[in-house]
């Protein structure tokens, strides 16, 4: 019985996704709109630096600050109370 429900849910999700893809219109990114003033494109190195390296560095800085500025002294796991 579970397999039938899972199959039905999967078919519904796949059908909904397919219909949304077919019904959506193209982005028309190749036709510029009035007033568009695109800047220069990013190189591969710029793109990787902006979208991969910068978030990793930001994550490392925040993690380091949290670890350095953490003033809690209780680091041992608490024993469970016996009942």
N, C-alpha and C. Protein backbone atom coordinates (compact mmCIF):
# COMPACT_ATOMS: atom_id res chain seq x y z
N UNK A 1 0.82 -1.19 0.00
CA UNK A 1 0.00 0.00 0.00
C UNK A 1 0.86 1.26 0.00
N UNK A 2 1.99 1.22 0.73
CA UNK A 2 2.87 2.39 0.77
C UNK A 2 3.52 2.66 -0.58
N UNK A 3 3.83 1.59 -1.31
CA UNK A 3 4.46 1.78 -2.61
C UNK A 3 3.51 2.46 -3.58
N UNK A 4 2.23 2.13 -3.48
CA UNK A 4 1.25 2.73 -4.37
C UNK A 4 1.11 4.23 -4.09
N UNK A 5 1.09 4.60 -2.81
CA UNK A 5 1.00 6.02 -2.45
C UNK A 5 2.26 6.79 -2.85
N UNK A 6 3.41 6.16 -2.65
CA UNK A 6 4.67 6.81 -3.02
C UNK A 6 4.74 7.00 -4.54
N UNK A 7 4.30 6.00 -5.27
CA UNK A 7 4.29 6.10 -6.73
C UNK A 7 3.33 7.18 -7.20
N UNK A 8 2.18 7.24 -6.56
CA UNK A 8 1.20 8.27 -6.91
C UNK A 8 1.74 9.67 -6.61
N UNK A 9 2.38 9.85 -5.46
CA UNK A 9 2.94 11.15 -5.09
C UNK A 9 4.08 11.53 -6.04
N UNK A 10 4.92 10.56 -6.41
CA UNK A 10 6.00 10.84 -7.34
C UNK A 10 5.49 11.22 -8.71
N UNK A 11 4.46 10.52 -9.17
CA UNK A 11 3.88 10.84 -10.48
C UNK A 11 3.24 12.22 -10.46
N UNK A 12 2.57 12.57 -9.37
CA UNK A 12 1.95 13.89 -9.25
C UNK A 12 3.02 14.99 -9.25
N UNK A 13 4.09 14.79 -8.50
CA UNK A 13 5.17 15.78 -8.45
C UNK A 13 5.84 15.93 -9.81
N UNK A 14 6.11 14.80 -10.47
CA UNK A 14 6.75 14.86 -11.78
C UNK A 14 5.83 15.52 -12.81
N UNK A 15 4.55 15.19 -12.77
CA UNK A 15 3.60 15.81 -13.70
C UNK A 15 3.46 17.30 -13.47
N UNK A 16 3.39 17.71 -12.22
CA UNK A 16 3.29 19.13 -11.90
C UNK A 16 4.52 19.88 -12.37
N UNK A 17 5.69 19.31 -12.12
CA UNK A 17 6.94 19.95 -12.56
C UNK A 17 7.00 20.06 -14.08
N UNK A 18 6.63 18.99 -14.75
CA UNK A 18 6.65 19.01 -16.21
C UNK A 18 5.68 20.04 -16.76
N UNK A 19 4.49 20.13 -16.20
CA UNK A 19 3.51 21.11 -16.68
C UNK A 19 4.00 22.54 -16.44
N UNK A 20 4.63 22.77 -15.29
CA UNK A 20 5.13 24.12 -15.02
C UNK A 20 6.26 24.48 -15.98
N UNK A 21 7.11 23.51 -16.31
CA UNK A 21 8.17 23.79 -17.26
C UNK A 21 7.62 24.06 -18.66
N UNK A 22 6.61 23.31 -19.05
CA UNK A 22 6.03 23.50 -20.38
C UNK A 22 5.23 24.79 -20.49
N UNK A 23 4.58 25.20 -19.41
CA UNK A 23 3.72 26.37 -19.45
C UNK A 23 4.49 27.68 -19.26
N UNK A 24 5.69 27.61 -18.71
CA UNK A 24 6.44 28.84 -18.46
C UNK A 24 7.00 29.38 -19.77
N UNK A 25 7.03 30.68 -19.87
CA UNK A 25 7.54 31.30 -21.09
C UNK A 25 9.05 31.46 -21.00
N UNK A 26 9.73 31.56 -22.11
CA UNK A 26 11.18 31.73 -22.07
C UNK A 26 11.56 33.09 -21.49
N UNK A 27 12.76 33.18 -21.00
CA UNK A 27 13.21 34.39 -20.32
C UNK A 27 13.46 35.54 -21.27
N UNK A 28 13.66 35.26 -22.54
CA UNK A 28 13.94 36.29 -23.54
C UNK A 28 15.14 37.15 -23.14
N UNK A 29 16.18 36.50 -22.64
CA UNK A 29 17.35 37.24 -22.17
C UNK A 29 18.16 37.81 -23.32
N UNK A 30 17.96 37.32 -24.53
CA UNK A 30 18.76 37.81 -25.65
C UNK A 30 18.22 39.11 -26.22
N UNK A 31 16.99 39.45 -25.88
CA UNK A 31 16.39 40.69 -26.38
C UNK A 31 16.49 41.75 -25.29
N UNK A 32 17.32 42.77 -25.47
CA UNK A 32 17.46 43.77 -24.41
C UNK A 32 16.22 44.66 -24.31
N UNK A 33 15.89 45.03 -23.09
CA UNK A 33 14.78 45.95 -22.85
C UNK A 33 15.26 47.39 -22.99
N UNK A 34 14.32 48.31 -23.12
CA UNK A 34 14.67 49.73 -23.16
C UNK A 34 15.29 50.13 -21.83
N UNK A 35 16.39 50.84 -21.88
CA UNK A 35 17.05 51.31 -20.68
C UNK A 35 18.05 50.34 -20.09
N UNK A 36 18.21 49.17 -20.70
CA UNK A 36 19.21 48.23 -20.21
C UNK A 36 20.61 48.79 -20.45
N UNK A 37 21.44 48.68 -19.46
CA UNK A 37 22.83 49.10 -19.59
C UNK A 37 23.71 48.06 -18.91
N UNK A 38 23.88 46.90 -19.54
CA UNK A 38 24.65 45.85 -18.88
C UNK A 38 26.12 46.22 -18.78
N UNK A 39 26.71 45.84 -17.68
CA UNK A 39 28.12 46.09 -17.48
C UNK A 39 28.96 45.00 -18.11
N UNK A 40 30.26 45.07 -17.91
CA UNK A 40 31.12 44.02 -18.46
C UNK A 40 30.86 42.70 -17.73
N UNK A 41 31.03 41.61 -18.43
CA UNK A 41 30.81 40.29 -17.84
C UNK A 41 31.91 39.91 -16.88
N UNK A 42 31.64 38.87 -16.10
CA UNK A 42 32.63 38.36 -15.15
C UNK A 42 33.42 37.23 -15.80
N UNK A 43 34.68 37.18 -15.47
CA UNK A 43 35.49 36.05 -15.94
C UNK A 43 35.22 34.84 -15.03
N UNK A 44 35.77 33.71 -15.40
CA UNK A 44 35.57 32.50 -14.60
C UNK A 44 36.18 32.68 -13.21
N UNK A 45 37.35 33.27 -13.14
CA UNK A 45 38.02 33.50 -11.87
C UNK A 45 37.21 34.46 -11.00
N UNK A 46 36.69 35.53 -11.60
CA UNK A 46 35.84 36.46 -10.86
C UNK A 46 34.60 35.77 -10.32
N UNK A 47 33.97 34.95 -11.14
CA UNK A 47 32.75 34.27 -10.74
C UNK A 47 33.03 33.30 -9.60
N UNK A 48 34.09 32.50 -9.72
CA UNK A 48 34.43 31.56 -8.65
C UNK A 48 34.79 32.29 -7.36
N UNK A 49 35.51 33.39 -7.49
CA UNK A 49 35.87 34.16 -6.31
C UNK A 49 34.66 34.76 -5.63
N UNK A 50 33.72 35.24 -6.41
CA UNK A 50 32.55 35.91 -5.85
C UNK A 50 31.54 34.93 -5.27
N UNK A 51 31.32 33.81 -5.93
CA UNK A 51 30.25 32.91 -5.53
C UNK A 51 30.72 31.65 -4.80
N UNK A 52 32.05 31.40 -4.75
CA UNK A 52 32.55 30.23 -4.03
C UNK A 52 33.50 30.64 -2.92
N UNK A 53 34.55 31.37 -3.26
CA UNK A 53 35.58 31.69 -2.28
C UNK A 53 35.08 32.69 -1.23
N UNK A 54 34.41 33.74 -1.67
CA UNK A 54 33.94 34.75 -0.72
C UNK A 54 32.99 34.18 0.33
N UNK A 55 31.98 33.36 -0.03
CA UNK A 55 31.14 32.78 1.03
C UNK A 55 31.90 31.85 1.96
N UNK A 56 32.87 31.08 1.43
CA UNK A 56 33.65 30.20 2.30
C UNK A 56 34.50 31.01 3.28
N UNK A 57 35.10 32.09 2.81
CA UNK A 57 35.90 32.94 3.69
C UNK A 57 35.00 33.59 4.74
N UNK A 58 33.84 34.08 4.34
CA UNK A 58 32.91 34.69 5.28
C UNK A 58 32.47 33.67 6.33
N UNK A 59 32.17 32.45 5.91
CA UNK A 59 31.79 31.39 6.84
C UNK A 59 32.93 31.11 7.82
N UNK A 60 34.16 31.04 7.33
CA UNK A 60 35.31 30.77 8.20
C UNK A 60 35.53 31.90 9.20
N UNK A 61 35.36 33.15 8.76
CA UNK A 61 35.53 34.28 9.67
C UNK A 61 34.47 34.26 10.77
N UNK A 62 33.22 34.02 10.39
CA UNK A 62 32.15 33.98 11.39
C UNK A 62 32.37 32.83 12.36
N UNK A 63 32.75 31.66 11.85
CA UNK A 63 33.02 30.50 12.71
C UNK A 63 34.17 30.79 13.66
N UNK A 64 35.23 31.40 13.15
CA UNK A 64 36.37 31.75 14.00
C UNK A 64 35.99 32.73 15.09
N UNK A 65 35.21 33.75 14.74
CA UNK A 65 34.78 34.72 15.75
C UNK A 65 33.91 34.07 16.82
N UNK A 66 33.03 33.19 16.42
CA UNK A 66 32.18 32.51 17.40
C UNK A 66 33.04 31.65 18.32
N UNK A 67 34.02 30.95 17.77
CA UNK A 67 34.86 30.08 18.60
C UNK A 67 35.75 30.90 19.54
N UNK A 68 36.27 32.02 19.06
CA UNK A 68 37.17 32.83 19.89
C UNK A 68 36.39 33.58 20.96
N UNK A 69 35.24 34.11 20.61
CA UNK A 69 34.48 34.94 21.55
C UNK A 69 33.53 34.15 22.43
N UNK A 70 33.51 32.84 22.29
CA UNK A 70 32.64 32.01 23.12
C UNK A 70 33.22 31.94 24.52
N UNK A 71 32.47 32.38 25.50
CA UNK A 71 32.97 32.43 26.87
C UNK A 71 32.38 31.33 27.75
N UNK A 72 31.68 30.40 27.17
CA UNK A 72 31.10 29.35 28.00
C UNK A 72 32.20 28.42 28.50
N UNK A 73 32.05 27.97 29.73
CA UNK A 73 33.08 27.13 30.34
C UNK A 73 32.64 25.67 30.42
N UNK A 74 31.36 25.43 30.33
CA UNK A 74 30.84 24.07 30.45
C UNK A 74 30.90 23.39 29.08
N UNK A 75 31.91 22.59 28.87
CA UNK A 75 32.07 21.91 27.58
C UNK A 75 31.84 20.41 27.70
N UNK A 76 31.67 19.90 28.89
CA UNK A 76 31.46 18.48 29.09
C UNK A 76 30.00 18.14 28.82
N UNK A 77 29.73 17.00 28.19
CA UNK A 77 28.34 16.60 28.00
C UNK A 77 27.69 16.30 29.35
N UNK A 78 26.46 16.72 29.52
CA UNK A 78 25.78 16.54 30.79
C UNK A 78 25.29 15.10 30.91
N UNK A 79 25.48 14.55 32.10
CA UNK A 79 25.02 13.18 32.36
C UNK A 79 23.51 13.20 32.52
N UNK A 80 22.87 12.16 32.01
CA UNK A 80 21.42 12.06 32.12
C UNK A 80 21.07 11.67 33.57
N UNK A 81 20.02 12.26 34.05
CA UNK A 81 19.56 11.95 35.41
C UNK A 81 18.97 10.54 35.45
N UNK A 82 19.36 9.81 36.48
CA UNK A 82 18.84 8.45 36.65
C UNK A 82 17.52 8.52 37.40
N UNK A 83 16.57 7.78 36.88
CA UNK A 83 15.25 7.77 37.53
C UNK A 83 14.98 6.46 38.17
